[in-house]
């Protein structure tokens, strides 16, 4: 366990069931036990990528403080996905909840279970647009770019619509 908390960025998405409630509930579940929610982006409605024969997603990015090592964080988030009814039967298919670790401090990691920074984050508008909203000047480990610079160079034509009201509130 890291001696000091690190800042991590998580991408959350849902396109099955009550999408907004799924995002809110996931954040409520991951708070505590080594994770503290610092802020969230607005919620964005986004068209599906790869497998386009499914409903649109609601996506957001959460900035968290964590004392968990990256693999322990991944396992905790996967348990929450499973608890929320995530089924992995159709690759890239509909999901009640999908949580990806985008960044975890300045960690650069490649293992069978986890790659950090997230290997496709620089190619995905549904990730970079909400991340840009909350951390535009954040340097991206392993690159010479900030989030804003990566967003400006993005060539993803996917539709992304910011919804109002933007931020998810977690009852305290």
C-alpha atoms as a PDB file:
ATOM      1  CA  UNK A   1       0.000   0.000   0.000  1.00  0.00           C
ATOM      2  CA  UNK A   2       1.469   3.428  -0.878  1.00  0.00           C
ATOM      3  CA  UNK A   3       2.484   5.358   2.231  1.00  0.00           C
ATOM      4  CA  UNK A   4       0.943   8.526   0.821  1.00  0.00           C
ATOM      5  CA  UNK A   5      -2.264   8.769  -1.193  1.00  0.00           C
ATOM      6  CA  UNK A   6      -1.921   9.232  -4.947  1.00  0.00           C
ATOM      7  CA  UNK A   7      -4.362  10.859  -7.335  1.00  0.00           C
ATOM      8  CA  UNK A   8      -5.980   8.472  -9.806  1.00  0.00           C
ATOM      9  CA  UNK A   9      -8.427   9.118 -12.637  1.00  0.00           C
ATOM     10  CA  UNK A  10     -11.186   6.609 -13.352  1.00  0.00           C
ATOM     11  CA  UNK A  11     -13.447   6.428 -16.392  1.00  0.00           C
ATOM     12  CA  UNK A  12     -16.974   5.208 -15.665  1.00  0.00           C
ATOM     13  CA  UNK A  13     -19.536   4.174 -18.254  1.00  0.00           C
ATOM     14  CA  UNK A  14     -22.976   2.573 -18.382  1.00  0.00           C
ATOM     15  CA  UNK A  15     -25.394   1.770 -21.201  1.00  0.00           C
ATOM     16  CA  UNK A  16     -27.753  -0.703 -19.521  1.00  0.00           C
ATOM     17  CA  UNK A  17     -30.404  -0.144 -16.890  1.00  0.00           C
ATOM     18  CA  UNK A  18     -30.630   3.229 -15.156  1.00  0.00           C
ATOM     19  CA  UNK A  19     -27.377   4.609 -16.527  1.00  0.00           C
ATOM     20  CA  UNK A  20     -27.131   7.732 -14.344  1.00  0.00           C
ATOM     21  CA  UNK A  21     -28.008   5.787 -11.192  1.00  0.00           C
ATOM     22  CA  UNK A  22     -25.435   3.108 -12.096  1.00  0.00           C
ATOM     23  CA  UNK A  23     -22.695   5.767 -12.220  1.00  0.00           C
ATOM     24  CA  UNK A  24     -23.834   7.371  -8.970  1.00  0.00           C
ATOM     25  CA  UNK A  25     -24.078   4.029  -7.166  1.00  0.00           C
ATOM     26  CA  UNK A  26     -20.633   2.928  -8.381  1.00  0.00           C
ATOM     27  CA  UNK A  27     -19.032   6.061  -6.960  1.00  0.00           C
ATOM     28  CA  UNK A  28     -20.869   5.577  -3.705  1.00  0.00           C
ATOM     29  CA  UNK A  29     -19.536   1.998  -3.537  1.00  0.00           C
ATOM     30  CA  UNK A  30     -15.914   2.825  -4.240  1.00  0.00           C
ATOM     31  CA  UNK A  31     -15.673   5.591  -1.629  1.00  0.00           C
ATOM     32  CA  UNK A  32     -13.955   4.363   1.525  1.00  0.00           C
ATOM     33  CA  UNK A  33     -11.486   1.525   2.079  1.00  0.00           C
ATOM     34  CA  UNK A  34      -8.554   3.306   0.476  1.00  0.00           C
ATOM     35  CA  UNK A  35     -10.428   5.516  -2.031  1.00  0.00           C
ATOM     36  CA  UNK A  36     -11.748   9.053  -1.563  1.00  0.00           C
ATOM     37  CA  UNK A  37     -13.695  10.837  -4.300  1.00  0.00           C
ATOM     38  CA  UNK A  38     -12.236  14.288  -5.013  1.00  0.00           C
ATOM     39  CA  UNK A  39     -14.370  15.419  -7.970  1.00  0.00           C
ATOM     40  CA  UNK A  40     -16.201  14.226 -11.071  1.00  0.00           C
ATOM     41  CA  UNK A  41     -16.619  15.550 -14.554  1.00  0.00           C
ATOM     42  CA  UNK A  42     -19.997  16.270 -16.022  1.00  0.00           C
ATOM     43  CA  UNK A  43     -21.872  13.292 -17.389  1.00  0.00           C
ATOM     44  CA  UNK A  44     -21.571  12.824 -21.143  1.00  0.00           C
ATOM     45  CA  UNK A  45     -23.814  10.802 -23.432  1.00  0.00           C
ATOM     46  CA  UNK A  46     -21.642   8.987 -25.938  1.00  0.00           C
ATOM     47  CA  UNK A  47     -22.144   6.703 -28.874  1.00  0.00           C
ATOM     48  CA  UNK A  48     -20.784   3.165 -28.491  1.00  0.00           C
ATOM     49  CA  UNK A  49     -17.320   2.422 -29.868  1.00  0.00           C
ATOM     50  CA  UNK A  50     -16.287  -0.868 -31.540  1.00  0.00           C
ATOM     51  CA  UNK A  51     -19.599  -2.751 -31.068  1.00  0.00           C
ATOM     52  CA  UNK A  52     -22.054  -0.088 -32.273  1.00  0.00           C
ATOM     53  CA  UNK A  53     -25.187  -2.287 -32.160  1.00  0.00           C
ATOM     54  CA  UNK A  54     -26.161  -1.228 -28.637  1.00  0.00           C
ATOM     55  CA  UNK A  55     -27.473   1.740 -26.694  1.00  0.00           C
ATOM     56  CA  UNK A  56     -25.547   4.938 -26.051  1.00  0.00           C
ATOM     57  CA  UNK A  57     -23.440   5.255 -22.912  1.00  0.00           C
ATOM     58  CA  UNK A  58     -23.367   7.721 -20.096  1.00  0.00           C
ATOM     59  CA  UNK A  59     -19.731   8.395 -19.229  1.00  0.00           C
ATOM     60  CA  UNK A  60     -17.828  10.496 -16.734  1.00  0.00           C
ATOM     61  CA  UNK A  61     -14.387  10.695 -15.188  1.00  0.00           C
ATOM     62  CA  UNK A  62     -13.754  10.685 -11.442  1.00  0.00           C
ATOM     63  CA  UNK A  63     -10.673  12.046  -9.735  1.00  0.00           C
ATOM     64  CA  UNK A  64      -9.928  10.024  -6.616  1.00  0.00           C
ATOM     65  CA  UNK A  65      -7.281   9.897  -3.941  1.00  0.00           C
ATOM     66  CA  UNK A  66      -6.180   6.351  -3.158  1.00  0.00           C
ATOM     67  CA  UNK A  67      -3.803   4.500  -0.890  1.00  0.00           C
ATOM     68  CA  UNK A  68      -4.314   1.296  -2.894  1.00  0.00           C
ATOM     69  CA  UNK A  69      -1.655  -0.088  -5.199  1.00  0.00           C
ATOM     70  CA  UNK A  70      -2.843  -0.083  -8.849  1.00  0.00           C
ATOM     71  CA  UNK A  71      -3.627  -3.827  -8.982  1.00  0.00           C
ATOM     72  CA  UNK A  72      -5.512  -3.686  -5.676  1.00  0.00           C
ATOM     73  CA  UNK A  73      -7.468  -0.707  -7.017  1.00  0.00           C
ATOM     74  CA  UNK A  74      -8.276  -2.661 -10.197  1.00  0.00           C
ATOM     75  CA  UNK A  75      -9.537  -5.646  -8.207  1.00  0.00           C
ATOM     76  CA  UNK A  76     -11.726  -3.441  -6.017  1.00  0.00           C
ATOM     77  CA  UNK A  77     -13.250  -1.753  -9.070  1.00  0.00           C
ATOM     78  CA  UNK A  78     -13.881  -5.123 -10.757  1.00  0.00           C
ATOM     79  CA  UNK A  79     -15.689  -6.342  -7.624  1.00  0.00           C
ATOM     80  CA  UNK A  80     -17.910  -3.255  -7.815  1.00  0.00           C
ATOM     81  CA  UNK A  81     -18.613  -3.903 -11.518  1.00  0.00           C
ATOM     82  CA  UNK A  82     -19.636  -7.468 -10.656  1.00  0.00           C
ATOM     83  CA  UNK A  83     -21.736  -6.320  -7.695  1.00  0.00           C
ATOM     84  CA  UNK A  84     -23.550  -3.929 -10.049  1.00  0.00           C
ATOM     85  CA  UNK A  85     -24.429  -6.782 -12.435  1.00  0.00           C
ATOM     86  CA  UNK A  86     -21.649  -6.466 -15.006  1.00  0.00           C
ATOM     87  CA  UNK A  87     -21.667  -9.424 -17.392  1.00  0.00           C
ATOM     88  CA  UNK A  88     -18.704 -10.113 -19.644  1.00  0.00           C
ATOM     89  CA  UNK A  89     -20.444 -12.476 -22.077  1.00  0.00           C
ATOM     90  CA  UNK A  90     -20.362 -10.260 -25.208  1.00  0.00           C
ATOM     91  CA  UNK A  91     -17.015  -8.553 -25.859  1.00  0.00           C
ATOM     92  CA  UNK A  92     -17.550  -4.765 -25.965  1.00  0.00           C
ATOM     93  CA  UNK A  93     -21.264  -5.434 -25.402  1.00  0.00           C
ATOM     94  CA  UNK A  94     -23.817  -3.591 -23.257  1.00  0.00           C
ATOM     95  CA  UNK A  95     -22.752  -2.975 -19.666  1.00  0.00           C
ATOM     96  CA  UNK A  96     -24.464  -1.880 -16.501  1.00  0.00           C
ATOM     97  CA  UNK A  97     -21.071  -0.566 -15.447  1.00  0.00           C
ATOM     98  CA  UNK A  98     -17.554  -0.286 -16.824  1.00  0.00           C
ATOM     99  CA  UNK A  99     -14.789   1.291 -14.725  1.00  0.00           C
ATOM    100  CA  UNK A 100     -11.313   1.791 -16.167  1.00  0.00           C
ATOM    101  CA  UNK A 101      -8.258   3.154 -14.403  1.00  0.00           C
ATOM    102  CA  UNK A 102      -6.893   5.841 -16.705  1.00  0.00           C
ATOM    103  CA  UNK A 103      -4.018   7.080 -14.558  1.00  0.00           C
ATOM    104  CA  UNK A 104      -2.715   6.288 -11.087  1.00  0.00           C
ATOM    105  CA  UNK A 105      -0.259   8.968 -10.031  1.00  0.00           C
ATOM    106  CA  UNK A 106       2.696   8.919 -12.401  1.00  0.00           C
ATOM    107  CA  UNK A 107       2.764   5.110 -12.540  1.00  0.00           C
ATOM    108  CA  UNK A 108       3.700   3.529 -15.861  1.00  0.00           C
ATOM    109  CA  UNK A 109       2.835  -0.172 -15.715  1.00  0.00           C
ATOM    110  CA  UNK A 110       2.375  -3.022 -18.149  1.00  0.00           C
ATOM    111  CA  UNK A 111       1.186  -6.394 -16.890  1.00  0.00           C
ATOM    112  CA  UNK A 112      -1.235  -9.088 -18.007  1.00  0.00           C
ATOM    113  CA  UNK A 113      -3.912  -7.529 -15.783  1.00  0.00           C
ATOM    114  CA  UNK A 114      -3.346  -3.796 -16.097  1.00  0.00           C
ATOM    115  CA  UNK A 115      -1.621  -1.241 -18.310  1.00  0.00           C
ATOM    116  CA  UNK A 116      -1.117   2.328 -17.087  1.00  0.00           C
ATOM    117  CA  UNK A 117      -1.701   4.848 -18.423  1.00  0.00           C
ATOM    118  CA  UNK A 118      -4.748   3.238 -20.027  1.00  0.00           C
ATOM    119  CA  UNK A 119      -3.524   2.113 -23.467  1.00  0.00           C
ATOM    120  CA  UNK A 120      -6.429   3.539 -25.510  1.00  0.00           C
ATOM    121  CA  UNK A 121      -7.253   6.693 -23.568  1.00  0.00           C
ATOM    122  CA  UNK A 122      -5.535   8.986 -26.085  1.00  0.00           C
ATOM    123  CA  UNK A 123      -7.760   7.596 -28.873  1.00  0.00           C
ATOM    124  CA  UNK A 124     -11.134   8.019 -27.143  1.00  0.00           C
ATOM    125  CA  UNK A 125     -13.162  11.207 -27.077  1.00  0.00           C
ATOM    126  CA  UNK A 126     -15.487   9.750 -24.416  1.00  0.00           C
ATOM    127  CA  UNK A 127     -12.466   9.556 -22.084  1.00  0.00           C
ATOM    128  CA  UNK A 128     -10.464  12.653 -22.991  1.00  0.00           C
ATOM    129  CA  UNK A 129     -13.362  15.120 -23.081  1.00  0.00           C
ATOM    130  CA  UNK A 130     -14.489  14.537 -19.471  1.00  0.00           C
ATOM    131  CA  UNK A 131     -10.870  14.200 -18.274  1.00  0.00           C
ATOM    132  CA  UNK A 132     -10.084  17.516 -19.960  1.00  0.00           C
ATOM    133  CA  UNK A 133     -12.970  19.120 -18.078  1.00  0.00           C
ATOM    134  CA  UNK A 134     -11.460  18.359 -14.657  1.00  0.00           C
ATOM    135  CA  UNK A 135      -7.697  18.166 -15.377  1.00  0.00           C
ATOM    136  CA  UNK A 136      -6.725  19.953 -18.623  1.00  0.00           C
ATOM    137  CA  UNK A 137      -3.154  20.758 -17.512  1.00  0.00           C
ATOM    138  CA  UNK A 138      -2.443  17.263 -16.171  1.00  0.00           C
ATOM    139  CA  UNK A 139       0.763  15.835 -17.698  1.00  0.00           C
ATOM    140  CA  UNK A 140       0.244  12.370 -19.165  1.00  0.00           C
ATOM    141  CA  UNK A 141       2.911   9.903 -17.960  1.00  0.00           C
ATOM    142  CA  UNK A 142       4.972   8.411 -20.758  1.00  0.00           C
ATOM    143  CA  UNK A 143       4.182  11.307 -23.126  1.00  0.00           C
ATOM    144  CA  UNK A 144       5.248  14.922 -23.460  1.00  0.00           C
ATOM    145  CA  UNK A 145       1.588  16.012 -23.551  1.00  0.00           C
ATOM    146  CA  UNK A 146      -0.995  17.418 -21.210  1.00  0.00           C
ATOM    147  CA  UNK A 147      -4.602  16.232 -21.318  1.00  0.00           C
ATOM    148  CA  UNK A 148      -5.533  19.428 -23.202  1.00  0.00           C
ATOM    149  CA  UNK A 149      -2.815  18.867 -25.817  1.00  0.00           C
ATOM    150  CA  UNK A 150      -3.878  15.238 -26.284  1.00  0.00           C
ATOM    151  CA  UNK A 151      -7.500  16.362 -26.688  1.00  0.00           C
ATOM    152  CA  UNK A 152      -6.541  18.956 -29.314  1.00  0.00           C
ATOM    153  CA  UNK A 153      -4.750  16.232 -31.331  1.00  0.00           C
ATOM    154  CA  UNK A 154      -7.623  13.729 -31.010  1.00  0.00           C
ATOM    155  CA  UNK A 155      -9.080  12.423 -34.270  1.00  0.00           C
ATOM    156  CA  UNK A 156     -11.953  10.357 -32.816  1.00  0.00           C
ATOM    157  CA  UNK A 157     -15.169  11.280 -34.700  1.00  0.00           C
ATOM    158  CA  UNK A 158     -17.461   9.703 -32.064  1.00  0.00           C
ATOM    159  CA  UNK A 159     -20.370  11.819 -30.866  1.00  0.00           C
ATOM    160  CA  UNK A 160     -20.111  13.046 -27.286  1.00  0.00           C
ATOM    161  CA  UNK A 161     -22.779  15.285 -25.693  1.00  0.00           C
ATOM    162  CA  UNK A 162     -22.359  16.956 -22.321  1.00  0.00           C
ATOM    163  CA  UNK A 163     -25.516  16.598 -20.225  1.00  0.00           C
ATOM    164  CA  UNK A 164     -26.836  19.055 -17.660  1.00  0.00           C
ATOM    165  CA  UNK A 165     -26.847  19.107 -14.713  1.00  0.00           C
ATOM    166  CA  UNK A 166     -23.288  17.972 -14.955  1.00  0.00           C
ATOM    167  CA  UNK A 167     -21.886  16.663 -11.732  1.00  0.00           C
ATOM    168  CA  UNK A 168     -22.831  13.550  -9.826  1.00  0.00           C
ATOM    169  CA  UNK A 169     -23.529  14.130  -6.160  1.00  0.00           C
ATOM    170  CA  UNK A 170     -22.939  11.434  -3.606  1.00  0.00           C
ATOM    171  CA  UNK A 171     -25.071  11.751  -0.468  1.00  0.00           C
ATOM    172  CA  UNK A 172     -22.755  12.265   2.507  1.00  0.00           C
END
